[in-house]
């Protein structure tokens, strides 16, 4: 089961030099990324304005699995989905 976040929530993320998430502030505390389960780049609505995002499905300490993305242009991070 998973929960898609209606409006992506902005996140604080510590990232590597190659922009992979290392730790995510989730539910009021920092959680270490134990594993990157998958990674993909998405180009959306290119005909209106370019939107390019790097998505990561990650497992955080405490066994939380979530999907986050990094906006390539701004460098900002958001939470997209939480799996239970």
Protein backbone atom coordinates (compact mmCIF):
# COMPACT_ATOMS: atom_id res chain seq x y z
CA UNK A 1 0.00 0.00 0.00
CA UNK A 2 1.20 3.54 -0.59
CA UNK A 3 0.01 7.08 -0.10
CA UNK A 4 0.50 9.64 -2.86
CA UNK A 5 0.95 13.10 -1.42
CA UNK A 6 -1.62 15.43 -3.04
CA UNK A 7 0.71 18.39 -3.12
CA UNK A 8 4.41 17.47 -2.95
CA UNK A 9 5.85 18.51 0.42
CA UNK A 10 9.14 20.39 0.50
CA UNK A 11 11.92 18.51 2.29
CA UNK A 12 15.28 19.23 3.79
CA UNK A 13 17.76 16.74 2.33
CA UNK A 14 21.47 16.15 2.81
CA UNK A 15 22.75 15.00 -0.56
CA UNK A 16 25.94 13.64 -2.05
CA UNK A 17 28.04 15.50 -4.63
CA UNK A 18 26.15 13.55 -7.32
CA UNK A 19 22.81 14.73 -5.79
CA UNK A 20 21.73 11.39 -4.28
CA UNK A 21 19.89 11.73 -0.97
CA UNK A 22 21.94 10.74 2.10
CA UNK A 23 19.55 11.87 4.86
CA UNK A 24 16.02 13.27 4.83
CA UNK A 25 14.21 15.28 7.47
CA UNK A 26 10.98 13.27 7.85
CA UNK A 27 8.32 13.71 10.53
CA UNK A 28 10.41 16.19 12.49
CA UNK A 29 13.69 14.29 12.59
CA UNK A 30 16.60 13.44 10.35
CA UNK A 31 16.55 9.89 8.94
CA UNK A 32 19.50 8.27 7.21
CA UNK A 33 18.92 6.85 3.74
CA UNK A 34 19.76 3.15 4.13
CA UNK A 35 19.27 2.31 0.45
CA UNK A 36 18.33 3.89 -2.85
CA UNK A 37 15.89 1.31 -4.23
CA UNK A 38 15.42 2.98 -7.62
CA UNK A 39 16.27 6.19 -9.43
CA UNK A 40 14.88 7.75 -12.62
CA UNK A 41 14.73 11.14 -14.35
CA UNK A 42 11.43 12.55 -15.58
CA UNK A 43 10.71 15.38 -18.01
CA UNK A 44 7.18 16.73 -17.55
CA UNK A 45 5.03 19.12 -19.56
CA UNK A 46 7.95 20.07 -21.77
CA UNK A 47 5.56 21.81 -24.19
CA UNK A 48 4.50 24.37 -21.50
CA UNK A 49 7.70 24.91 -19.55
CA UNK A 50 10.59 22.58 -18.91
CA UNK A 51 10.27 20.56 -15.71
CA UNK A 52 13.03 18.08 -15.06
CA UNK A 53 13.15 15.99 -11.88
CA UNK A 54 15.27 13.20 -10.48
CA UNK A 55 13.11 10.72 -8.56
CA UNK A 56 14.41 8.37 -5.89
CA UNK A 57 12.62 5.54 -4.10
CA UNK A 58 14.52 5.18 -0.83
CA UNK A 59 14.45 3.16 2.37
CA UNK A 60 15.07 5.30 5.44
CA UNK A 61 16.22 4.08 8.84
CA UNK A 62 13.16 2.89 10.70
CA UNK A 63 12.04 0.94 7.59
CA UNK A 64 10.18 3.89 6.02
CA UNK A 65 10.08 3.66 2.23
CA UNK A 66 9.29 6.81 0.33
CA UNK A 67 9.59 8.44 -3.04
CA UNK A 68 11.28 11.84 -3.21
CA UNK A 69 12.32 14.05 -6.08
CA UNK A 70 14.86 16.77 -6.71
CA UNK A 71 13.97 19.56 -9.11
CA UNK A 72 17.01 19.78 -11.39
CA UNK A 73 16.63 23.52 -12.06
CA UNK A 74 16.11 24.72 -8.47
CA UNK A 75 17.83 21.93 -6.53
CA UNK A 76 14.80 21.75 -4.20
CA UNK A 77 13.57 18.43 -2.79
CA UNK A 78 9.97 17.22 -2.27
CA UNK A 79 8.20 14.18 -0.87
CA UNK A 80 5.95 12.51 -3.48
CA UNK A 81 4.83 9.21 -1.94
CA UNK A 82 5.11 7.16 1.26
CA UNK A 83 4.85 3.36 1.27
CA UNK A 84 3.58 1.36 4.23
